[in-house]
Amino acid sequence: MSDTVVLIVRRVLLPVSLLFGLMVLLGMLVTRVFARTWPFTVEDAVNRELAADRTGGWNDVSLVFSTLASTQMIVVVTVLVALALRLWLKRWQEPLFLCAAVTAQALVFLLTTLAIDRQRPAVEHMDVSPPTSSFPSGHTSAAVALYVGIAVLMAVRARSTGAKVAWWTLLLMVPLGVALTRMYRGMHHPSDVVASFLNGGTCVAIMARAVLDRGLRWGRATLPTGRRPVVSAGS
């Protein structure tokens, strides 16, 4: 087995598989084991309170955030940002990292919804419900992977602490807004969006370790940074 295949298994496939197992375990705990235990017993009350406070203005704001995290928008923004990174940095690591993080979270999300069957909150739904479980929130998970992924890349290149803080603050507002929006619009329980931060954030961490680690060499001659292969005189 080549070094590249081993690295893919160890750095990508195994961690993502473990994340999927963890998400399914959390889903079972939330929907079966602790469904009648606090704080899960008050989730419906939270959704009802949010639904009771709906106004025309907040409905419009929530629609904007919900649209930002729709499947079509996530795909478009990911592709555009990846292309911009490629043109700006003249290399593939950063675009690959971003695309891989978004793709991984989508795969974990989809497989988890197939394993966990959870009804959406018992309030009026402001969006058409896709044929997936309420656990976890796909919109929130995708927003976390995409915008936190961008924040990681931009913060690394920021020249001052203030700039780093600004990037993180600005880009974290999107997934936080999406999470609140999905609950406000009656599409998800609080625990659904909390689990989605775990999914999206972990996928960003996995792909950063696999793709952005500059001490890693993807190839048959994988060596730590600073080490070079010894070439014999007769070769």
C-alpha atoms as a PDB file:
ATOM      1  CA  MET A   1       0.000   0.000   0.000  1.00  0.00           C
ATOM      2  CA  SER A   2       1.464   3.373  -1.014  1.00  0.00           C
ATOM      3  CA  ASP A   3       2.275   6.090   1.487  1.00  0.00           C
ATOM      4  CA  THR A   4      -0.391   8.326  -0.048  1.00  0.00           C
ATOM      5  CA  VAL A   5      -3.145   5.753   0.504  1.00  0.00           C
ATOM      6  CA  VAL A   6      -1.989   5.241   4.099  1.00  0.00           C
ATOM      7  CA  LEU A   7      -2.085   8.994   4.717  1.00  0.00           C
ATOM      8  CA  ILE A   8      -5.567   9.315   3.216  1.00  0.00           C
ATOM      9  CA  VAL A   9      -6.835   6.495   5.431  1.00  0.00           C
ATOM     10  CA  ARG A  10      -5.164   7.803   8.594  1.00  0.00           C
ATOM     11  CA  ARG A  11      -5.708  11.519   8.130  1.00  0.00           C
ATOM     12  CA  VAL A  12      -9.068  11.598   6.327  1.00  0.00           C
ATOM     13  CA  LEU A  13     -11.105   8.396   6.126  1.00  0.00           C
ATOM     14  CA  LEU A  14     -10.556   7.179   9.683  1.00  0.00           C
ATOM     15  CA  PRO A  15     -11.219  10.538  11.406  1.00  0.00           C
ATOM     16  CA  VAL A  16     -14.312  11.206   9.272  1.00  0.00           C
ATOM     17  CA  SER A  17     -15.613   7.708  10.009  1.00  0.00           C
ATOM     18  CA  LEU A  18     -15.098   8.254  13.726  1.00  0.00           C
ATOM     19  CA  LEU A  19     -16.915  11.568  13.465  1.00  0.00           C
ATOM     20  CA  PHE A  20     -19.836   9.853  11.757  1.00  0.00           C
ATOM     21  CA  GLY A  21     -19.972   7.282  14.544  1.00  0.00           C
ATOM     22  CA  LEU A  22     -19.910  10.043  17.152  1.00  0.00           C
ATOM     23  CA  MET A  23     -22.726  11.933  15.399  1.00  0.00           C
ATOM     24  CA  VAL A  24     -24.892   8.816  15.285  1.00  0.00           C
ATOM     25  CA  LEU A  25     -24.170   8.147  18.961  1.00  0.00           C
ATOM     26  CA  LEU A  26     -25.135  11.706  19.865  1.00  0.00           C
ATOM     27  CA  GLY A  27     -28.291  11.409  17.789  1.00  0.00           C
ATOM     28  CA  MET A  28     -29.309   8.242  19.600  1.00  0.00           C
ATOM     29  CA  LEU A  29     -28.617   9.828  22.984  1.00  0.00           C
ATOM     30  CA  VAL A  30     -30.677  12.912  22.109  1.00  0.00           C
ATOM     31  CA  THR A  31     -33.621  11.108  20.525  1.00  0.00           C
ATOM     32  CA  ARG A  32     -33.792   7.948  22.638  1.00  0.00           C
ATOM     33  CA  VAL A  33     -31.724   7.788  25.804  1.00  0.00           C
ATOM     34  CA  PHE A  34     -32.100  11.356  27.095  1.00  0.00           C
ATOM     35  CA  ALA A  35     -35.180  12.471  25.157  1.00  0.00           C
ATOM     36  CA  ARG A  36     -37.116  12.968  28.411  1.00  0.00           C
ATOM     37  CA  THR A  37     -34.231  14.461  30.354  1.00  0.00           C
ATOM     38  CA  TRP A  38     -33.353  18.137  30.829  1.00  0.00           C
ATOM     39  CA  PRO A  39     -32.298  20.129  28.792  1.00  0.00           C
ATOM     40  CA  PHE A  40     -33.855  18.185  25.912  1.00  0.00           C
ATOM     41  CA  THR A  41     -37.289  18.393  27.560  1.00  0.00           C
ATOM     42  CA  VAL A  42     -37.316  22.195  27.150  1.00  0.00           C
ATOM     43  CA  GLU A  43     -36.291  22.297  23.501  1.00  0.00           C
ATOM     44  CA  ASP A  44     -39.877  22.437  22.278  1.00  0.00           C
ATOM     45  CA  ALA A  45     -40.504  25.409  24.560  1.00  0.00           C
ATOM     46  CA  VAL A  46     -37.540  27.222  23.015  1.00  0.00           C
ATOM     47  CA  ASN A  47     -38.902  26.640  19.519  1.00  0.00           C
ATOM     48  CA  ARG A  48     -42.385  27.777  20.552  1.00  0.00           C
ATOM     49  CA  GLU A  49     -40.973  30.957  22.089  1.00  0.00           C
ATOM     50  CA  LEU A  50     -39.019  31.757  18.941  1.00  0.00           C
ATOM     51  CA  ALA A  51     -42.094  31.113  16.790  1.00  0.00           C
ATOM     52  CA  ALA A  52     -44.213  33.370  18.999  1.00  0.00           C
ATOM     53  CA  ASP A  53     -41.730  36.231  18.573  1.00  0.00           C
ATOM     54  CA  ARG A  54     -41.747  36.207  14.766  1.00  0.00           C
ATOM     55  CA  THR A  55     -42.122  39.552  13.032  1.00  0.00           C
ATOM     56  CA  GLY A  56     -42.032  40.628   9.417  1.00  0.00           C
ATOM     57  CA  GLY A  57     -38.602  42.206   9.775  1.00  0.00           C
ATOM     58  CA  TRP A  58     -37.022  39.234  11.513  1.00  0.00           C
ATOM     59  CA  ASN A  59     -38.652  36.906   9.005  1.00  0.00           C
ATOM     60  CA  ASP A  60     -36.802  38.732   6.228  1.00  0.00           C
ATOM     61  CA  VAL A  61     -33.495  38.641   8.119  1.00  0.00           C
ATOM     62  CA  SER A  62     -33.904  34.939   8.855  1.00  0.00           C
ATOM     63  CA  LEU A  63     -34.611  34.246   5.194  1.00  0.00           C
ATOM     64  CA  VAL A  64     -31.315  35.893   4.223  1.00  0.00           C
ATOM     65  CA  PHE A  65     -29.286  33.745   6.613  1.00  0.00           C
ATOM     66  CA  SER A  66     -31.203  30.610   5.697  1.00  0.00           C
ATOM     67  CA  THR A  67     -30.566  31.268   1.999  1.00  0.00           C
ATOM     68  CA  LEU A  68     -26.852  31.852   2.635  1.00  0.00           C
ATOM     69  CA  ALA A  69     -26.634  28.277   3.920  1.00  0.00           C
ATOM     70  CA  SER A  70     -28.832  26.617   1.295  1.00  0.00           C
ATOM     71  CA  THR A  71     -27.238  23.808  -0.677  1.00  0.00           C
ATOM     72  CA  GLN A  72     -27.070  25.822  -3.886  1.00  0.00           C
ATOM     73  CA  MET A  73     -25.492  28.844  -2.191  1.00  0.00           C
ATOM     74  CA  ILE A  74     -22.976  26.752  -0.264  1.00  0.00           C
ATOM     75  CA  VAL A  75     -21.853  25.051  -3.481  1.00  0.00           C
ATOM     76  CA  VAL A  76     -21.577  28.340  -5.381  1.00  0.00           C
ATOM     77  CA  VAL A  77     -19.678  30.161  -2.623  1.00  0.00           C
ATOM     78  CA  THR A  78     -17.338  27.216  -2.051  1.00  0.00           C
ATOM     79  CA  VAL A  79     -16.444  26.993  -5.738  1.00  0.00           C
ATOM     80  CA  LEU A  80     -15.963  30.756  -6.122  1.00  0.00           C
ATOM     81  CA  VAL A  81     -13.816  31.081  -2.994  1.00  0.00           C
ATOM     82  CA  ALA A  82     -11.759  28.019  -3.969  1.00  0.00           C
ATOM     83  CA  LEU A  83     -11.089  29.497  -7.411  1.00  0.00           C
ATOM     84  CA  ALA A  84     -10.180  32.858  -5.878  1.00  0.00           C
ATOM     85  CA  LEU A  85      -7.752  31.154  -3.476  1.00  0.00           C
ATOM     86  CA  ARG A  86      -6.150  29.265  -6.337  1.00  0.00           C
ATOM     87  CA  LEU A  87      -5.632  32.434  -8.362  1.00  0.00           C
ATOM     88  CA  TRP A  88      -4.408  34.405  -5.343  1.00  0.00           C
ATOM     89  CA  LEU A  89      -2.063  31.875  -3.731  1.00  0.00           C
ATOM     90  CA  LYS A  90      -1.004  29.956  -6.879  1.00  0.00           C
ATOM     91  CA  ARG A  91      -1.342  26.586  -5.153  1.00  0.00           C
ATOM     92  CA  TRP A  92      -3.975  23.921  -4.507  1.00  0.00           C
ATOM     93  CA  GLN A  93      -3.719  23.230  -0.774  1.00  0.00           C
ATOM     94  CA  GLU A  94      -6.077  25.952   0.427  1.00  0.00           C
ATOM     95  CA  PRO A  95      -8.791  25.374  -2.228  1.00  0.00           C
ATOM     96  CA  LEU A  96      -8.591  21.621  -1.605  1.00  0.00           C
ATOM     97  CA  PHE A  97      -8.848  22.119   2.156  1.00  0.00           C
ATOM     98  CA  LEU A  98     -11.994  24.221   1.836  1.00  0.00           C
ATOM     99  CA  CYS A  99     -13.714  21.912  -0.662  1.00  0.00           C
ATOM    100  CA  ALA A 100     -12.787  18.829   1.367  1.00  0.00           C
ATOM    101  CA  ALA A 101     -14.130  20.306   4.624  1.00  0.00           C
ATOM    102  CA  VAL A 102     -17.465  21.233   3.047  1.00  0.00           C
ATOM    103  CA  THR A 103     -17.754  17.863   1.291  1.00  0.00           C
ATOM    104  CA  ALA A 104     -16.891  15.874   4.425  1.00  0.00           C
ATOM    105  CA  GLN A 105     -19.486  17.620   6.568  1.00  0.00           C
ATOM    106  CA  ALA A 106     -22.123  17.039   3.899  1.00  0.00           C
ATOM    107  CA  LEU A 107     -21.335  13.329   3.794  1.00  0.00           C
ATOM    108  CA  VAL A 108     -21.414  12.972   7.586  1.00  0.00           C
ATOM    109  CA  PHE A 109     -24.640  14.985   7.747  1.00  0.00           C
ATOM    110  CA  LEU A 110     -26.377  12.893   5.096  1.00  0.00           C
ATOM    111  CA  LEU A 111     -25.364   9.543   6.584  1.00  0.00           C
ATOM    112  CA  THR A 112     -26.357  10.692  10.069  1.00  0.00           C
ATOM    113  CA  THR A 113     -29.832  11.701   8.917  1.00  0.00           C
ATOM    114  CA  LEU A 114     -30.251   8.230   7.419  1.00  0.00           C
ATOM    115  CA  ALA A 115     -29.399   6.653  10.776  1.00  0.00           C
ATOM    116  CA  ILE A 116     -31.280   9.074  13.055  1.00  0.00           C
ATOM    117  CA  ASP A 117     -35.005   9.707  12.602  1.00  0.00           C
ATOM    118  CA  ARG A 118     -36.063  12.870  14.401  1.00  0.00           C
ATOM    119  CA  GLN A 119     -39.173  14.897  13.718  1.00  0.00           C
ATOM    120  CA  ARG A 120     -38.863  18.635  13.201  1.00  0.00           C
ATOM    121  CA  PRO A 121     -40.118  21.006  15.933  1.00  0.00           C
ATOM    122  CA  ALA A 122     -43.878  21.069  16.521  1.00  0.00           C
ATOM    123  CA  VAL A 123     -44.298  24.668  15.317  1.00  0.00           C
ATOM    124  CA  GLU A 124     -45.150  26.238  11.986  1.00  0.00           C
ATOM    125  CA  HIS A 125     -42.346  25.564   9.512  1.00  0.00           C
ATOM    126  CA  MET A 126     -41.392  28.599   7.461  1.00  0.00           C
ATOM    127  CA  ASP A 127     -39.456  26.537   4.909  1.00  0.00           C
ATOM    128  CA  VAL A 128     -40.271  23.429   2.928  1.00  0.00           C
ATOM    129  CA  SER A 129     -38.870  20.487   4.880  1.00  0.00           C
ATOM    130  CA  PRO A 130     -36.350  18.392   2.944  1.00  0.00           C
ATOM    131  CA  PRO A 131     -36.772  14.605   3.242  1.00  0.00           C
ATOM    132  CA  THR A 132     -34.147  14.292   5.971  1.00  0.00           C
ATOM    133  CA  SER A 133     -34.174  14.001   9.747  1.00  0.00           C
ATOM    134  CA  SER A 134     -34.114  17.123  11.898  1.00  0.00           C
ATOM    135  CA  PHE A 135     -30.850  15.901  13.464  1.00  0.00           C
ATOM    136  CA  PRO A 136     -28.429  17.477  12.659  1.00  0.00           C
ATOM    137  CA  SER A 137     -28.964  20.777  10.807  1.00  0.00           C
ATOM    138  CA  GLY A 138     -27.466  20.566   7.327  1.00  0.00           C
ATOM    139  CA  HIS A 139     -27.664  24.335   6.831  1.00  0.00           C
ATOM    140  CA  THR A 140     -25.749  25.030  10.039  1.00  0.00           C
ATOM    141  CA  SER A 141     -23.165  22.311   9.467  1.00  0.00           C
ATOM    142  CA  ALA A 142     -22.429  23.557   5.946  1.00  0.00           C
ATOM    143  CA  ALA A 143     -22.163  27.174   7.112  1.00  0.00           C
ATOM    144  CA  VAL A 144     -19.716  26.193   9.862  1.00  0.00           C
ATOM    145  CA  ALA A 145     -17.494  24.196   7.500  1.00  0.00           C
ATOM    146  CA  LEU A 146     -17.455  26.886   4.810  1.00  0.00           C
ATOM    147  CA  TYR A 147     -17.165  30.099   6.809  1.00  0.00           C
ATOM    148  CA  VAL A 148     -14.997  28.753   9.636  1.00  0.00           C
ATOM    149  CA  GLY A 149     -12.794  27.209   6.952  1.00  0.00           C
ATOM    150  CA  ILE A 150     -12.445  30.612   5.288  1.00  0.00           C
ATOM    151  CA  ALA A 151     -11.755  32.194   8.694  1.00  0.00           C
ATOM    152  CA  VAL A 152      -8.915  29.727   9.307  1.00  0.00           C
ATOM    153  CA  LEU A 153      -7.299  30.603   5.973  1.00  0.00           C
ATOM    154  CA  MET A 154      -7.691  34.368   6.350  1.00  0.00           C
ATOM    155  CA  ALA A 155      -6.613  34.507   9.994  1.00  0.00           C
ATOM    156  CA  VAL A 156      -3.378  32.671   9.163  1.00  0.00           C
ATOM    157  CA  ARG A 157      -2.517  35.400   6.670  1.00  0.00           C
ATOM    158  CA  ALA A 158      -3.596  38.324   8.815  1.00  0.00           C
ATOM    159  CA  ARG A 159      -0.661  40.517   9.850  1.00  0.00           C
ATOM    160  CA  SER A 160      -2.027  41.661  13.191  1.00  0.00           C
ATOM    161  CA  THR A 161      -4.038  40.306  16.087  1.00  0.00           C
ATOM    162  CA  GLY A 162      -6.754  42.844  15.360  1.00  0.00           C
ATOM    163  CA  ALA A 163      -7.092  41.582  11.804  1.00  0.00           C
ATOM    164  CA  LYS A 164      -7.293  37.989  13.006  1.00  0.00           C
ATOM    165  CA  VAL A 165     -10.035  38.880  15.469  1.00  0.00           C
ATOM    166  CA  ALA A 166     -11.889  40.807  12.772  1.00  0.00           C
ATOM    167  CA  TRP A 167     -11.856  37.877  10.357  1.00  0.00           C
ATOM    168  CA  TRP A 168     -13.014  35.422  12.998  1.00  0.00           C
ATOM    169  CA  THR A 169     -15.740  37.740  14.267  1.00  0.00           C
ATOM    170  CA  LEU A 170     -17.053  38.555  10.796  1.00  0.00           C
ATOM    171  CA  LEU A 171     -17.082  35.006   9.476  1.00  0.00           C
ATOM    172  CA  LEU A 172     -18.383  33.355  12.647  1.00  0.00           C
ATOM    173  CA  MET A 173     -21.430  35.599  12.487  1.00  0.00           C
ATOM    174  CA  VAL A 174     -22.681  33.661   9.463  1.00  0.00           C
ATOM    175  CA  PRO A 175     -22.970  30.162  11.022  1.00  0.00           C
ATOM    176  CA  LEU A 176     -24.237  31.667  14.279  1.00  0.00           C
ATOM    177  CA  GLY A 177     -26.890  33.568  12.340  1.00  0.00           C
ATOM    178  CA  VAL A 178     -27.773  30.448  10.375  1.00  0.00           C
ATOM    179  CA  ALA A 179     -28.147  28.403  13.582  1.00  0.00           C
ATOM    180  CA  LEU A 180     -30.512  30.946  15.125  1.00  0.00           C
ATOM    181  CA  THR A 181     -32.368  31.262  11.833  1.00  0.00           C
ATOM    182  CA  ARG A 182     -33.012  27.540  11.500  1.00  0.00           C
ATOM    183  CA  MET A 183     -34.522  27.453  14.996  1.00  0.00           C
ATOM    184  CA  TYR A 184     -36.458  30.678  14.450  1.00  0.00           C
ATOM    185  CA  ARG A 185     -37.968  29.328  11.237  1.00  0.00           C
ATOM    186  CA  GLY A 186     -39.083  26.168  13.046  1.00  0.00           C
ATOM    187  CA  MET A 187     -36.797  23.821  11.127  1.00  0.00           C
ATOM    188  CA  HIS A 188     -34.536  22.541  13.909  1.00  0.00           C
ATOM    189  CA  HIS A 189     -34.275  21.952  17.648  1.00  0.00           C
ATOM    190  CA  PRO A 190     -31.446  23.628  19.607  1.00  0.00           C
ATOM    191  CA  SER A 191     -29.563  20.330  19.953  1.00  0.00           C
ATOM    192  CA  ASP A 192     -29.710  19.864  16.174  1.00  0.00           C
ATOM    193  CA  VAL A 193     -27.739  23.036  15.539  1.00  0.00           C
ATOM    194  CA  VAL A 194     -25.323  22.403  18.426  1.00  0.00           C
ATOM    195  CA  ALA A 195     -24.472  19.012  16.924  1.00  0.00           C
ATOM    196  CA  SER A 196     -23.962  20.704  13.560  1.00  0.00           C
ATOM    197  CA  PHE A 197     -21.240  22.943  14.999  1.00  0.00           C
ATOM    198  CA  LEU A 198     -19.475  19.767  16.108  1.00  0.00           C
ATOM    199  CA  ASN A 199     -19.821  18.233  12.644  1.00  0.00           C
ATOM    200  CA  GLY A 200     -18.727  21.256  10.644  1.00  0.00           C
ATOM    201  CA  GLY A 201     -15.983  22.331  13.040  1.00  0.00           C
ATOM    202  CA  THR A 202     -14.489  18.851  13.296  1.00  0.00           C
ATOM    203  CA  CYS A 203     -14.427  18.484   9.508  1.00  0.00           C
ATOM    204  CA  VAL A 204     -12.511  21.764   9.276  1.00  0.00           C
ATOM    205  CA  ALA A 205      -9.998  20.478  11.844  1.00  0.00           C
ATOM    206  CA  ILE A 206      -9.627  17.116  10.088  1.00  0.00           C
ATOM    207  CA  MET A 207      -8.998  18.653   6.687  1.00  0.00           C
ATOM    208  CA  ALA A 208      -6.652  21.302   8.080  1.00  0.00           C
ATOM    209  CA  ARG A 209      -4.546  18.528   9.605  1.00  0.00           C
ATOM    210  CA  ALA A 210      -4.652  16.499   6.385  1.00  0.00           C
ATOM    211  CA  VAL A 211      -4.170  19.221   3.784  1.00  0.00           C
ATOM    212  CA  LEU A 212      -2.648  22.328   5.384  1.00  0.00           C
ATOM    213  CA  ASP A 213       0.038  20.606   7.459  1.00  0.00           C
ATOM    214  CA  ARG A 214       3.231  21.768   5.745  1.00  0.00           C
ATOM    215  CA  GLY A 215       5.266  19.073   7.440  1.00  0.00           C
ATOM    216  CA  LEU A 216       3.334  16.474   5.491  1.00  0.00           C
ATOM    217  CA  ARG A 217       4.417  15.171   2.104  1.00  0.00           C
ATOM    218  CA  TRP A 218       1.819  13.421  -0.063  1.00  0.00           C
ATOM    219  CA  GLY A 219       3.773  10.896  -2.096  1.00  0.00           C
ATOM    220  CA  ARG A 220       5.643   7.624  -1.986  1.00  0.00           C
ATOM    221  CA  ALA A 221       8.648   9.218  -0.304  1.00  0.00           C
ATOM    222  CA  THR A 222       6.952  10.769   2.709  1.00  0.00           C
ATOM    223  CA  LEU A 223       9.484  12.408   4.998  1.00  0.00           C
ATOM    224  CA  PRO A 224       9.321  14.898   7.850  1.00  0.00           C
ATOM    225  CA  THR A 225      10.106  18.508   7.015  1.00  0.00           C
ATOM    226  CA  GLY A 226      13.830  19.136   6.562  1.00  0.00           C
ATOM    227  CA  ARG A 227      14.676  15.489   5.757  1.00  0.00           C
ATOM    228  CA  ARG A 228      15.796  14.527   2.269  1.00  0.00           C
ATOM    229  CA  PRO A 229      16.088  11.051   0.778  1.00  0.00           C
ATOM    230  CA  VAL A 230      19.621   9.659   0.610  1.00  0.00           C
ATOM    231  CA  VAL A 231      20.661   8.946  -2.978  1.00  0.00           C
ATOM    232  CA  SER A 232      23.389   6.365  -3.476  1.00  0.00           C
ATOM    233  CA  ALA A 233      26.327   7.118  -5.759  1.00  0.00           C
ATOM    234  CA  GLY A 234      25.338   4.428  -8.195  1.00  0.00           C
ATOM    235  CA  SER A 235      21.742   5.488  -8.611  1.00  0.00           C
END
